[in-house]
């Protein structure tokens, strides 16, 4: 590894203001644009916006928000975290991001995934019973579209393509693309077979538990005689002046977010002990710049990462605290990580 990239991710979590009142979704979207501008000015390499179709997240159309960001930034890469390919059309996804790539002068990227929520399936007329088939077929089609050559493809979810061209073409000839992987061997092998780099979603537990998947990723590339690809990881966190302040700011919002999702999925309520254990030993990068930098550097070293994305929005934390965290990540954390790693 040489040049490690550092990104930020957000789902556009619906926030509260400094008075504790819920922020309207339209303002949350404008705030995300402001956050991306701050990240660009702070020297952060990339920002990824998640796609959701529910009331606790404001962003349902990441490419539209990214286009707005493109017009007010100059260097930061503009991507997703993730694009729910299973309930979208691969041709339209490619066209939208090729267009974003044009208006941003080559800064677009995509992270493809199944999505951890399922609201988009009934919303767009897809059957959840076809969850696996939809992602498999659409990824197969998308991998062909990435070549920007005429595409012939046939599957069961839509009519076939015969020598179809997709426009616009990008200046570089390909949009940088990742596959979001939650940690199954099948997903790792799929990433390698399609020659699309893997972005690990590490949202709980010791990051070292993903080492076997990293080993499989590299071994599969060697066995298939594919050039080794970059490796990324995405994890939640928050940065403030001190460890104590960062935890006090994050915990109530982290709990609100986890408990709401947990109520839908049968998880027990999140306790402060759970939170502190995850912050001390797991995949929650919360604390002072020094603490967060040490933990990120450790994860990069343990897994051999080329890219680390901090998911900086975790529940309804106020915009003011999010922007302060972004500024510290760019001005303090990233330089410290590079110093620790000797990069």
C-alpha atoms as a PDB file:
ATOM      1  CA  UNK A   1       0.000   0.000   0.000  1.00  0.00           C
ATOM      2  CA  UNK A   2       1.078   3.539  -0.587  1.00  0.00           C
ATOM      3  CA  UNK A   3      -1.612   6.185  -0.888  1.00  0.00           C
ATOM      4  CA  UNK A   4      -4.433   5.284   1.487  1.00  0.00           C
ATOM      5  CA  UNK A   5      -7.721   7.038   0.805  1.00  0.00           C
ATOM      6  CA  UNK A   6      -9.915   8.401   3.574  1.00  0.00           C
ATOM      7  CA  UNK A   7     -13.618   8.921   3.042  1.00  0.00           C
ATOM      8  CA  UNK A   8     -16.792   9.841   4.869  1.00  0.00           C
ATOM      9  CA  UNK A   9     -20.208   8.200   4.587  1.00  0.00           C
ATOM     10  CA  UNK A  10     -23.683   9.352   5.576  1.00  0.00           C
ATOM     11  CA  UNK A  11     -27.196   8.034   5.115  1.00  0.00           C
ATOM     12  CA  UNK A  12     -28.572  11.551   5.561  1.00  0.00           C
ATOM     13  CA  UNK A  13     -29.905  10.633   9.011  1.00  0.00           C
ATOM     14  CA  UNK A  14     -32.753  12.960   9.958  1.00  0.00           C
ATOM     15  CA  UNK A  15     -31.209  15.147  12.653  1.00  0.00           C
ATOM     16  CA  UNK A  16     -32.370  17.285  15.521  1.00  0.00           C
ATOM     17  CA  UNK A  17     -31.401  20.920  15.795  1.00  0.00           C
ATOM     18  CA  UNK A  18     -29.509  22.433  18.711  1.00  0.00           C
ATOM     19  CA  UNK A  19     -32.841  22.947  20.510  1.00  0.00           C
ATOM     20  CA  UNK A  20     -33.702  19.250  20.150  1.00  0.00           C
ATOM     21  CA  UNK A  21     -36.364  19.719  17.453  1.00  0.00           C
ATOM     22  CA  UNK A  22     -36.561  17.334  14.477  1.00  0.00           C
ATOM     23  CA  UNK A  23     -35.034  18.834  11.325  1.00  0.00           C
ATOM     24  CA  UNK A  24     -37.213  18.651   8.179  1.00  0.00           C
ATOM     25  CA  UNK A  25     -35.899  16.291   5.504  1.00  0.00           C
ATOM     26  CA  UNK A  26     -35.371  19.056   2.958  1.00  0.00           C
ATOM     27  CA  UNK A  27     -33.099  20.896   5.396  1.00  0.00           C
ATOM     28  CA  UNK A  28     -31.213  17.695   6.209  1.00  0.00           C
ATOM     29  CA  UNK A  29     -30.405  17.310   2.503  1.00  0.00           C
ATOM     30  CA  UNK A  30     -29.121  20.896   2.316  1.00  0.00           C
ATOM     31  CA  UNK A  31     -27.078  20.239   5.460  1.00  0.00           C
ATOM     32  CA  UNK A  32     -25.514  17.150   3.821  1.00  0.00           C
ATOM     33  CA  UNK A  33     -24.427  19.350   0.906  1.00  0.00           C
ATOM     34  CA  UNK A  34     -22.821  21.745   3.411  1.00  0.00           C
ATOM     35  CA  UNK A  35     -21.117  18.825   5.172  1.00  0.00           C
ATOM     36  CA  UNK A  36     -19.655  17.650   1.868  1.00  0.00           C
ATOM     37  CA  UNK A  37     -18.343  21.131   1.111  1.00  0.00           C
ATOM     38  CA  UNK A  38     -16.632  21.198   4.518  1.00  0.00           C
ATOM     39  CA  UNK A  39     -15.171  17.747   3.829  1.00  0.00           C
ATOM     40  CA  UNK A  40     -13.835  18.936   0.471  1.00  0.00           C
ATOM     41  CA  UNK A  41     -12.217  21.968   2.103  1.00  0.00           C
ATOM     42  CA  UNK A  42     -10.735  19.739   4.834  1.00  0.00           C
ATOM     43  CA  UNK A  43      -8.928  17.597   2.254  1.00  0.00           C
ATOM     44  CA  UNK A  44     -10.990  14.424   2.728  1.00  0.00           C
ATOM     45  CA  UNK A  45     -10.747  12.132  -0.295  1.00  0.00           C
ATOM     46  CA  UNK A  46     -14.335  10.961  -0.767  1.00  0.00           C
ATOM     47  CA  UNK A  47     -17.903  11.161   0.459  1.00  0.00           C
ATOM     48  CA  UNK A  48     -20.524   8.447   0.063  1.00  0.00           C
ATOM     49  CA  UNK A  49     -24.282   8.927   0.434  1.00  0.00           C
ATOM     50  CA  UNK A  50     -26.543   6.015   1.297  1.00  0.00           C
ATOM     51  CA  UNK A  51     -29.865   5.330  -0.439  1.00  0.00           C
ATOM     52  CA  UNK A  52     -32.897   4.761   1.808  1.00  0.00           C
ATOM     53  CA  UNK A  53     -36.663   5.033   1.475  1.00  0.00           C
ATOM     54  CA  UNK A  54     -37.827   5.548   5.074  1.00  0.00           C
ATOM     55  CA  UNK A  55     -38.514   8.468   7.385  1.00  0.00           C
ATOM     56  CA  UNK A  56     -35.357   8.295   9.520  1.00  0.00           C
ATOM     57  CA  UNK A  57     -33.099   8.945   6.506  1.00  0.00           C
ATOM     58  CA  UNK A  58     -33.540  11.895   4.159  1.00  0.00           C
ATOM     59  CA  UNK A  59     -31.644  10.705   1.065  1.00  0.00           C
ATOM     60  CA  UNK A  60     -33.567   8.543  -1.388  1.00  0.00           C
ATOM     61  CA  UNK A  61     -31.746   9.808  -4.485  1.00  0.00           C
ATOM     62  CA  UNK A  62     -28.002  10.037  -3.749  1.00  0.00           C
ATOM     63  CA  UNK A  63     -27.033  10.931  -7.309  1.00  0.00           C
ATOM     64  CA  UNK A  64     -29.178  14.092  -7.180  1.00  0.00           C
ATOM     65  CA  UNK A  65     -27.571  15.232  -3.930  1.00  0.00           C
ATOM     66  CA  UNK A  66     -24.118  14.349  -5.262  1.00  0.00           C
ATOM     67  CA  UNK A  67     -24.761  16.472  -8.357  1.00  0.00           C
ATOM     68  CA  UNK A  68     -25.555  19.424  -6.102  1.00  0.00           C
ATOM     69  CA  UNK A  69     -22.345  18.753  -4.177  1.00  0.00           C
ATOM     70  CA  UNK A  70     -20.360  18.502  -7.427  1.00  0.00           C
ATOM     71  CA  UNK A  71     -21.195  22.091  -8.312  1.00  0.00           C
ATOM     72  CA  UNK A  72     -19.844  23.402  -4.993  1.00  0.00           C
ATOM     73  CA  UNK A  73     -16.701  21.283  -4.569  1.00  0.00           C
ATOM     74  CA  UNK A  74     -13.509  20.794  -6.548  1.00  0.00           C
ATOM     75  CA  UNK A  75     -11.646  17.664  -5.477  1.00  0.00           C
ATOM     76  CA  UNK A  76     -13.634  15.280  -3.262  1.00  0.00           C
ATOM     77  CA  UNK A  77     -14.799  12.023  -4.869  1.00  0.00           C
ATOM     78  CA  UNK A  78     -18.572  11.594  -5.006  1.00  0.00           C
ATOM     79  CA  UNK A  79     -20.031   8.167  -4.358  1.00  0.00           C
ATOM     80  CA  UNK A  80     -22.691   6.067  -2.674  1.00  0.00           C
ATOM     81  CA  UNK A  81     -22.926   3.999   0.477  1.00  0.00           C
ATOM     82  CA  UNK A  82     -24.688   2.084  -1.073  1.00  0.00           C
ATOM     83  CA  UNK A  83     -26.701   2.129  -4.293  1.00  0.00           C
ATOM     84  CA  UNK A  84     -29.411  -0.522  -3.849  1.00  0.00           C
ATOM     85  CA  UNK A  85     -28.870  -2.225  -7.191  1.00  0.00           C
ATOM     86  CA  UNK A  86     -31.417  -4.982  -6.511  1.00  0.00           C
ATOM     87  CA  UNK A  87     -34.357  -2.564  -6.771  1.00  0.00           C
ATOM     88  CA  UNK A  88     -32.949  -0.288  -9.468  1.00  0.00           C
ATOM     89  CA  UNK A  89     -32.229  -0.644 -13.160  1.00  0.00           C
ATOM     90  CA  UNK A  90     -28.519  -1.169 -13.912  1.00  0.00           C
ATOM     91  CA  UNK A  91     -28.705   0.785 -17.164  1.00  0.00           C
ATOM     92  CA  UNK A  92     -30.248   3.809 -15.480  1.00  0.00           C
ATOM     93  CA  UNK A  93     -27.769   3.577 -12.583  1.00  0.00           C
ATOM     94  CA  UNK A  94     -24.874   3.654 -15.005  1.00  0.00           C
ATOM     95  CA  UNK A  95     -26.351   6.515 -17.014  1.00  0.00           C
ATOM     96  CA  UNK A  96     -26.962   8.600 -13.891  1.00  0.00           C
ATOM     97  CA  UNK A  97     -23.460   8.120 -12.542  1.00  0.00           C
ATOM     98  CA  UNK A  98     -21.817   8.622 -15.928  1.00  0.00           C
ATOM     99  CA  UNK A  99     -23.681  11.940 -16.021  1.00  0.00           C
ATOM    100  CA  UNK A 100     -22.497  12.745 -12.482  1.00  0.00           C
ATOM    101  CA  UNK A 101     -18.974  11.863 -13.587  1.00  0.00           C
ATOM    102  CA  UNK A 102     -19.259  14.409 -16.415  1.00  0.00           C
ATOM    103  CA  UNK A 103     -20.569  17.291 -14.302  1.00  0.00           C
ATOM    104  CA  UNK A 104     -17.981  16.612 -11.579  1.00  0.00           C
ATOM    105  CA  UNK A 105     -15.028  16.339 -14.002  1.00  0.00           C
ATOM    106  CA  UNK A 106     -14.408  12.653 -13.316  1.00  0.00           C
ATOM    107  CA  UNK A 107     -15.105  12.410  -9.572  1.00  0.00           C
ATOM    108  CA  UNK A 108     -18.001   9.914  -9.532  1.00  0.00           C
ATOM    109  CA  UNK A 109     -17.812   6.466  -7.970  1.00  0.00           C
ATOM    110  CA  UNK A 110     -20.403   3.869  -6.957  1.00  0.00           C
ATOM    111  CA  UNK A 111     -20.688   1.318  -4.175  1.00  0.00           C
ATOM    112  CA  UNK A 112     -23.197  -1.357  -5.144  1.00  0.00           C
ATOM    113  CA  UNK A 113     -25.095  -3.378  -2.576  1.00  0.00           C
ATOM    114  CA  UNK A 114     -28.250  -5.226  -1.674  1.00  0.00           C
ATOM    115  CA  UNK A 115     -29.163  -2.686   0.998  1.00  0.00           C
ATOM    116  CA  UNK A 116     -29.808  -3.587   4.624  1.00  0.00           C
ATOM    117  CA  UNK A 117     -33.393  -2.304   4.436  1.00  0.00           C
ATOM    118  CA  UNK A 118     -36.112  -3.635   2.128  1.00  0.00           C
ATOM    119  CA  UNK A 119     -38.530  -0.687   1.710  1.00  0.00           C
ATOM    120  CA  UNK A 120     -37.387  -0.118  -1.882  1.00  0.00           C
ATOM    121  CA  UNK A 121     -38.627  -3.534  -3.042  1.00  0.00           C
ATOM    122  CA  UNK A 122     -42.385  -3.020  -2.664  1.00  0.00           C
ATOM    123  CA  UNK A 123     -41.980   0.667  -3.475  1.00  0.00           C
ATOM    124  CA  UNK A 124     -40.588  -0.134  -6.926  1.00  0.00           C
ATOM    125  CA  UNK A 125     -42.635  -3.272  -7.516  1.00  0.00           C
ATOM    126  CA  UNK A 126     -40.094  -6.003  -6.756  1.00  0.00           C
ATOM    127  CA  UNK A 127     -40.787  -9.252  -4.948  1.00  0.00           C
ATOM    128  CA  UNK A 128     -38.679  -9.888  -1.841  1.00  0.00           C
ATOM    129  CA  UNK A 129     -38.759 -13.582  -2.697  1.00  0.00           C
ATOM    130  CA  UNK A 130     -36.473 -12.664  -5.617  1.00  0.00           C
ATOM    131  CA  UNK A 131     -33.969 -10.820  -3.380  1.00  0.00           C
ATOM    132  CA  UNK A 132     -30.995 -13.031  -4.262  1.00  0.00           C
ATOM    133  CA  UNK A 133     -31.803 -13.432  -7.946  1.00  0.00           C
ATOM    134  CA  UNK A 134     -32.307  -9.697  -8.494  1.00  0.00           C
ATOM    135  CA  UNK A 135     -28.934  -8.736  -7.071  1.00  0.00           C
ATOM    136  CA  UNK A 136     -27.082 -11.548  -8.851  1.00  0.00           C
ATOM    137  CA  UNK A 137     -28.574 -10.787 -12.266  1.00  0.00           C
ATOM    138  CA  UNK A 138     -28.320  -7.022 -11.980  1.00  0.00           C
ATOM    139  CA  UNK A 139     -24.713  -7.155 -10.823  1.00  0.00           C
ATOM    140  CA  UNK A 140     -23.930  -9.388 -13.783  1.00  0.00           C
ATOM    141  CA  UNK A 141     -25.471  -6.826 -16.138  1.00  0.00           C
ATOM    142  CA  UNK A 142     -23.778  -3.897 -14.382  1.00  0.00           C
ATOM    143  CA  UNK A 143     -20.357  -5.526 -14.647  1.00  0.00           C
ATOM    144  CA  UNK A 144     -20.797  -5.567 -18.429  1.00  0.00           C
ATOM    145  CA  UNK A 145     -21.988  -1.950 -18.510  1.00  0.00           C
ATOM    146  CA  UNK A 146     -18.801  -0.931 -16.692  1.00  0.00           C
ATOM    147  CA  UNK A 147     -16.801  -1.736 -19.842  1.00  0.00           C
ATOM    148  CA  UNK A 148     -18.700   0.985 -21.767  1.00  0.00           C
ATOM    149  CA  UNK A 149     -18.738  -1.341 -24.766  1.00  0.00           C
ATOM    150  CA  UNK A 150     -21.871  -2.693 -26.514  1.00  0.00           C
ATOM    151  CA  UNK A 151     -23.626  -5.008 -24.059  1.00  0.00           C
ATOM    152  CA  UNK A 152     -25.450  -8.237 -24.763  1.00  0.00           C
ATOM    153  CA  UNK A 153     -27.092  -9.733 -21.705  1.00  0.00           C
ATOM    154  CA  UNK A 154     -29.940 -12.059 -20.866  1.00  0.00           C
ATOM    155  CA  UNK A 155     -31.639 -12.907 -17.562  1.00  0.00           C
ATOM    156  CA  UNK A 156     -35.037 -13.565 -16.046  1.00  0.00           C
ATOM    157  CA  UNK A 157     -36.003 -10.224 -14.491  1.00  0.00           C
ATOM    158  CA  UNK A 158     -36.201  -8.099 -17.676  1.00  0.00           C
ATOM    159  CA  UNK A 159     -35.978  -8.374 -21.461  1.00  0.00           C
ATOM    160  CA  UNK A 160     -32.487  -9.075 -22.868  1.00  0.00           C
ATOM    161  CA  UNK A 161     -30.029  -6.581 -24.337  1.00  0.00           C
ATOM    162  CA  UNK A 162     -28.416  -7.169 -27.730  1.00  0.00           C
ATOM    163  CA  UNK A 163     -25.381  -5.013 -28.531  1.00  0.00           C
ATOM    164  CA  UNK A 164     -26.782  -2.110 -26.494  1.00  0.00           C
ATOM    165  CA  UNK A 165     -24.748   1.025 -25.940  1.00  0.00           C
ATOM    166  CA  UNK A 166     -25.202   3.168 -22.838  1.00  0.00           C
ATOM    167  CA  UNK A 167     -24.605   6.918 -22.856  1.00  0.00           C
ATOM    168  CA  UNK A 168     -22.913   9.141 -21.912  1.00  0.00           C
ATOM    169  CA  UNK A 169     -19.502   7.529 -22.046  1.00  0.00           C
ATOM    170  CA  UNK A 170     -17.098   8.673 -19.343  1.00  0.00           C
ATOM    171  CA  UNK A 171     -13.814  10.441 -20.016  1.00  0.00           C
ATOM    172  CA  UNK A 172     -11.852   7.699 -18.224  1.00  0.00           C
ATOM    173  CA  UNK A 173     -13.791   4.846 -19.838  1.00  0.00           C
ATOM    174  CA  UNK A 174     -15.010   3.358 -16.546  1.00  0.00           C
ATOM    175  CA  UNK A 175     -16.606   4.552 -13.320  1.00  0.00           C
ATOM    176  CA  UNK A 176     -14.700   3.446 -10.195  1.00  0.00           C
ATOM    177  CA  UNK A 177     -16.981   0.931  -8.489  1.00  0.00           C
ATOM    178  CA  UNK A 178     -17.009  -1.032  -5.234  1.00  0.00           C
ATOM    179  CA  UNK A 179     -19.217  -3.845  -3.973  1.00  0.00           C
ATOM    180  CA  UNK A 180     -20.404  -3.473  -0.391  1.00  0.00           C
ATOM    181  CA  UNK A 181     -19.789  -6.741   1.471  1.00  0.00           C
ATOM    182  CA  UNK A 182     -21.166  -7.547   4.906  1.00  0.00           C
ATOM    183  CA  UNK A 183     -19.057 -10.644   5.478  1.00  0.00           C
ATOM    184  CA  UNK A 184     -20.044 -13.780   3.605  1.00  0.00           C
ATOM    185  CA  UNK A 185     -17.558 -15.891   1.613  1.00  0.00           C
ATOM    186  CA  UNK A 186     -19.945 -15.913  -1.359  1.00  0.00           C
ATOM    187  CA  UNK A 187     -19.961 -12.109  -1.484  1.00  0.00           C
ATOM    188  CA  UNK A 188     -16.172 -11.998  -1.324  1.00  0.00           C
ATOM    189  CA  UNK A 189     -15.806 -14.442  -4.222  1.00  0.00           C
ATOM    190  CA  UNK A 190     -18.426 -12.551  -6.235  1.00  0.00           C
ATOM    191  CA  UNK A 191     -16.463  -9.320  -5.857  1.00  0.00           C
ATOM    192  CA  UNK A 192     -13.332 -10.991  -7.222  1.00  0.00           C
ATOM    193  CA  UNK A 193     -15.084 -12.798 -10.087  1.00  0.00           C
ATOM    194  CA  UNK A 194     -16.537  -9.539 -11.348  1.00  0.00           C
ATOM    195  CA  UNK A 195     -13.254  -7.706 -10.713  1.00  0.00           C
ATOM    196  CA  UNK A 196     -15.017  -5.057  -8.640  1.00  0.00           C
ATOM    197  CA  UNK A 197     -13.172  -4.076  -5.429  1.00  0.00           C
ATOM    198  CA  UNK A 198     -14.662  -4.986  -2.055  1.00  0.00           C
ATOM    199  CA  UNK A 199     -15.836  -2.447   0.531  1.00  0.00           C
ATOM    200  CA  UNK A 200     -16.321  -4.193   3.880  1.00  0.00           C
ATOM    201  CA  UNK A 201     -19.207  -2.920   5.985  1.00  0.00           C
ATOM    202  CA  UNK A 202     -17.755  -3.405   9.477  1.00  0.00           C
ATOM    203  CA  UNK A 203     -20.431  -2.136  11.834  1.00  0.00           C
ATOM    204  CA  UNK A 204     -19.790  -4.210  14.939  1.00  0.00           C
ATOM    205  CA  UNK A 205     -17.224  -6.374  16.680  1.00  0.00           C
ATOM    206  CA  UNK A 206     -13.463  -6.569  16.423  1.00  0.00           C
ATOM    207  CA  UNK A 207     -12.374  -5.593  12.881  1.00  0.00           C
ATOM    208  CA  UNK A 208      -9.807  -8.414  13.010  1.00  0.00           C
ATOM    209  CA  UNK A 209     -12.645 -10.923  12.627  1.00  0.00           C
ATOM    210  CA  UNK A 210     -12.796  -9.878   8.968  1.00  0.00           C
ATOM    211  CA  UNK A 211      -9.204 -10.993   8.355  1.00  0.00           C
ATOM    212  CA  UNK A 212     -10.288 -14.403   6.951  1.00  0.00           C
ATOM    213  CA  UNK A 213     -12.437 -12.626   4.359  1.00  0.00           C
ATOM    214  CA  UNK A 214      -9.514 -10.407   3.399  1.00  0.00           C
ATOM    215  CA  UNK A 215      -7.322 -13.486   3.018  1.00  0.00           C
ATOM    216  CA  UNK A 216     -10.012 -15.134   0.856  1.00  0.00           C
ATOM    217  CA  UNK A 217     -10.271 -11.959  -1.252  1.00  0.00           C
ATOM    218  CA  UNK A 218      -6.570 -12.014  -2.080  1.00  0.00           C
ATOM    219  CA  UNK A 219      -6.298 -15.790  -2.480  1.00  0.00           C
ATOM    220  CA  UNK A 220      -9.255 -15.835  -4.861  1.00  0.00           C
ATOM    221  CA  UNK A 221      -7.654 -13.110  -6.981  1.00  0.00           C
ATOM    222  CA  UNK A 222      -4.419 -15.076  -7.141  1.00  0.00           C
ATOM    223  CA  UNK A 223      -6.168 -18.336  -8.020  1.00  0.00           C
ATOM    224  CA  UNK A 224      -8.280 -16.674 -10.720  1.00  0.00           C
ATOM    225  CA  UNK A 225      -5.175 -14.870 -12.016  1.00  0.00           C
ATOM    226  CA  UNK A 226      -6.780 -11.480 -11.455  1.00  0.00           C
ATOM    227  CA  UNK A 227      -4.638  -8.534 -10.459  1.00  0.00           C
ATOM    228  CA  UNK A 228      -5.114  -7.764  -6.772  1.00  0.00           C
ATOM    229  CA  UNK A 229      -7.696  -5.046  -6.279  1.00  0.00           C
ATOM    230  CA  UNK A 230      -8.006  -2.289  -3.653  1.00  0.00           C
ATOM    231  CA  UNK A 231      -9.698  -3.108  -0.356  1.00  0.00           C
ATOM    232  CA  UNK A 232     -11.876  -0.728   1.634  1.00  0.00           C
ATOM    233  CA  UNK A 233     -13.834  -0.707   4.880  1.00  0.00           C
ATOM    234  CA  UNK A 234     -16.662   1.430   6.249  1.00  0.00           C
ATOM    235  CA  UNK A 235     -17.389   1.829   9.978  1.00  0.00           C
ATOM    236  CA  UNK A 236     -19.299   4.261  12.220  1.00  0.00           C
ATOM    237  CA  UNK A 237     -17.716   6.883  14.436  1.00  0.00           C
ATOM    238  CA  UNK A 238     -17.635  10.414  15.816  1.00  0.00           C
ATOM    239  CA  UNK A 239     -14.834  12.788  16.772  1.00  0.00           C
ATOM    240  CA  UNK A 240     -14.786  15.580  19.353  1.00  0.00           C
ATOM    241  CA  UNK A 241     -12.132  17.370  21.411  1.00  0.00           C
ATOM    242  CA  UNK A 242     -11.962  14.639  24.072  1.00  0.00           C
ATOM    243  CA  UNK A 243     -12.919  10.988  24.405  1.00  0.00           C
ATOM    244  CA  UNK A 244     -15.515  11.855  27.054  1.00  0.00           C
ATOM    245  CA  UNK A 245     -17.170  14.579  24.981  1.00  0.00           C
ATOM    246  CA  UNK A 246     -17.276  12.432  21.848  1.00  0.00           C
ATOM    247  CA  UNK A 247     -18.981   9.587  23.693  1.00  0.00           C
ATOM    248  CA  UNK A 248     -21.441  11.857  25.468  1.00  0.00           C
ATOM    249  CA  UNK A 249     -22.386  13.527  22.179  1.00  0.00           C
ATOM    250  CA  UNK A 250     -22.775  10.280  20.230  1.00  0.00           C
ATOM    251  CA  UNK A 251     -24.342   7.827  22.671  1.00  0.00           C
ATOM    252  CA  UNK A 252     -27.944   9.105  22.864  1.00  0.00           C
ATOM    253  CA  UNK A 253     -28.201   9.400  19.069  1.00  0.00           C
ATOM    254  CA  UNK A 254     -26.460   6.092  18.435  1.00  0.00           C
ATOM    255  CA  UNK A 255     -28.902   4.432  20.866  1.00  0.00           C
ATOM    256  CA  UNK A 256     -31.923   6.092  19.243  1.00  0.00           C
ATOM    257  CA  UNK A 257     -30.858   4.821  15.838  1.00  0.00           C
ATOM    258  CA  UNK A 258     -29.943   1.286  16.940  1.00  0.00           C
ATOM    259  CA  UNK A 259     -33.022   0.864  19.107  1.00  0.00           C
ATOM    260  CA  UNK A 260     -35.378   1.889  16.335  1.00  0.00           C
ATOM    261  CA  UNK A 261     -33.808  -0.560  13.896  1.00  0.00           C
ATOM    262  CA  UNK A 262     -33.543  -3.166  16.647  1.00  0.00           C
ATOM    263  CA  UNK A 263     -37.265  -2.939  17.367  1.00  0.00           C
ATOM    264  CA  UNK A 264     -37.895  -3.867  13.728  1.00  0.00           C
ATOM    265  CA  UNK A 265     -35.376  -6.710  13.730  1.00  0.00           C
ATOM    266  CA  UNK A 266     -35.736  -8.192  17.191  1.00  0.00           C
ATOM    267  CA  UNK A 267     -32.530  -6.827  18.742  1.00  0.00           C
ATOM    268  CA  UNK A 268     -32.396  -5.947  22.458  1.00  0.00           C
ATOM    269  CA  UNK A 269     -32.060  -2.249  23.402  1.00  0.00           C
ATOM    270  CA  UNK A 270     -28.543  -0.822  23.228  1.00  0.00           C
ATOM    271  CA  UNK A 271     -27.020  -0.165  26.650  1.00  0.00           C
ATOM    272  CA  UNK A 272     -24.245   2.230  27.560  1.00  0.00           C
ATOM    273  CA  UNK A 273     -22.080  -0.799  28.389  1.00  0.00           C
ATOM    274  CA  UNK A 274     -22.676  -2.157  24.851  1.00  0.00           C
ATOM    275  CA  UNK A 275     -21.730   1.214  23.399  1.00  0.00           C
ATOM    276  CA  UNK A 276     -18.577   1.576  25.505  1.00  0.00           C
ATOM    277  CA  UNK A 277     -17.469  -1.957  24.697  1.00  0.00           C
ATOM    278  CA  UNK A 278     -17.880  -1.306  20.987  1.00  0.00           C
ATOM    279  CA  UNK A 279     -15.961   1.965  21.341  1.00  0.00           C
ATOM    280  CA  UNK A 280     -13.158   0.264  23.296  1.00  0.00           C
ATOM    281  CA  UNK A 281     -12.867  -3.036  21.451  1.00  0.00           C
ATOM    282  CA  UNK A 282     -15.089  -3.040  18.392  1.00  0.00           C
ATOM    283  CA  UNK A 283     -15.816  -1.078  15.229  1.00  0.00           C
ATOM    284  CA  UNK A 284     -17.035   2.214  16.676  1.00  0.00           C
ATOM    285  CA  UNK A 285     -14.410   4.919  16.123  1.00  0.00           C
ATOM    286  CA  UNK A 286     -15.467   7.469  18.723  1.00  0.00           C
ATOM    287  CA  UNK A 287     -13.220   9.757  20.717  1.00  0.00           C
ATOM    288  CA  UNK A 288     -10.602  12.458  20.478  1.00  0.00           C
ATOM    289  CA  UNK A 289      -8.599  12.848  17.257  1.00  0.00           C
ATOM    290  CA  UNK A 290      -5.697  10.958  18.852  1.00  0.00           C
ATOM    291  CA  UNK A 291      -7.864   8.022  19.944  1.00  0.00           C
ATOM    292  CA  UNK A 292      -9.700   7.722  16.632  1.00  0.00           C
ATOM    293  CA  UNK A 293      -6.474   8.030  14.639  1.00  0.00           C
ATOM    294  CA  UNK A 294      -4.824   5.213  16.592  1.00  0.00           C
ATOM    295  CA  UNK A 295      -7.801   2.922  16.128  1.00  0.00           C
ATOM    296  CA  UNK A 296      -8.149   3.645  12.399  1.00  0.00           C
ATOM    297  CA  UNK A 297      -4.418   3.058  11.885  1.00  0.00           C
ATOM    298  CA  UNK A 298      -4.719  -0.252  13.722  1.00  0.00           C
ATOM    299  CA  UNK A 299      -7.587  -1.403  11.508  1.00  0.00           C
ATOM    300  CA  UNK A 300      -5.799  -0.335   8.326  1.00  0.00           C
ATOM    301  CA  UNK A 301      -2.737  -2.307   9.407  1.00  0.00           C
ATOM    302  CA  UNK A 302      -4.677  -5.372  10.569  1.00  0.00           C
ATOM    303  CA  UNK A 303      -6.708  -5.717   7.380  1.00  0.00           C
ATOM    304  CA  UNK A 304      -4.322  -4.168   4.859  1.00  0.00           C
ATOM    305  CA  UNK A 305      -6.811  -1.510   3.765  1.00  0.00           C
ATOM    306  CA  UNK A 306      -6.375   0.891   0.873  1.00  0.00           C
ATOM    307  CA  UNK A 307      -9.463   2.914   1.837  1.00  0.00           C
ATOM    308  CA  UNK A 308     -11.154   3.711   5.144  1.00  0.00           C
ATOM    309  CA  UNK A 309     -14.568   5.411   5.262  1.00  0.00           C
ATOM    310  CA  UNK A 310     -15.913   6.818   8.518  1.00  0.00           C
ATOM    311  CA  UNK A 311     -19.718   6.760   8.729  1.00  0.00           C
ATOM    312  CA  UNK A 312     -20.023  10.058  10.535  1.00  0.00           C
ATOM    313  CA  UNK A 313     -23.826  10.223  10.850  1.00  0.00           C
ATOM    314  CA  UNK A 314     -25.277   7.802  13.385  1.00  0.00           C
ATOM    315  CA  UNK A 315     -28.784   8.786  14.393  1.00  0.00           C
ATOM    316  CA  UNK A 316     -30.240  12.265  14.904  1.00  0.00           C
ATOM    317  CA  UNK A 317     -27.039  14.076  15.965  1.00  0.00           C
ATOM    318  CA  UNK A 318     -27.233  17.852  15.299  1.00  0.00           C
ATOM    319  CA  UNK A 319     -25.657  19.274  12.154  1.00  0.00           C
ATOM    320  CA  UNK A 320     -23.315  21.442  14.263  1.00  0.00           C
ATOM    321  CA  UNK A 321     -21.763  18.386  15.914  1.00  0.00           C
ATOM    322  CA  UNK A 322     -21.497  16.530  12.597  1.00  0.00           C
ATOM    323  CA  UNK A 323     -19.614  19.396  10.959  1.00  0.00           C
ATOM    324  CA  UNK A 324     -17.239  19.675  13.907  1.00  0.00           C
ATOM    325  CA  UNK A 325     -16.492  15.939  13.599  1.00  0.00           C
ATOM    326  CA  UNK A 326     -15.854  16.279   9.848  1.00  0.00           C
ATOM    327  CA  UNK A 327     -13.430  19.144  10.397  1.00  0.00           C
ATOM    328  CA  UNK A 328     -11.474  17.179  13.012  1.00  0.00           C
ATOM    329  CA  UNK A 329     -11.377  14.097  10.780  1.00  0.00           C
ATOM    330  CA  UNK A 330      -9.840  16.094   7.930  1.00  0.00           C
ATOM    331  CA  UNK A 331      -7.541  18.428   9.868  1.00  0.00           C
ATOM    332  CA  UNK A 332      -6.380  16.165  12.714  1.00  0.00           C
ATOM    333  CA  UNK A 333      -7.275  12.490  12.343  1.00  0.00           C
ATOM    334  CA  UNK A 334      -6.179  11.802   8.775  1.00  0.00           C
ATOM    335  CA  UNK A 335      -2.751  13.475   9.172  1.00  0.00           C
ATOM    336  CA  UNK A 336      -2.200  11.520  12.428  1.00  0.00           C
ATOM    337  CA  UNK A 337      -3.118   8.211  10.775  1.00  0.00           C
ATOM    338  CA  UNK A 338      -0.675   8.916   7.953  1.00  0.00           C
ATOM    339  CA  UNK A 339       2.046   9.734  10.481  1.00  0.00           C
ATOM    340  CA  UNK A 340       1.403   6.526  12.435  1.00  0.00           C
ATOM    341  CA  UNK A 341       1.557   4.469   9.264  1.00  0.00           C
ATOM    342  CA  UNK A 342       4.549   6.352   7.886  1.00  0.00           C
ATOM    343  CA  UNK A 343       2.663   7.295   4.739  1.00  0.00           C
END
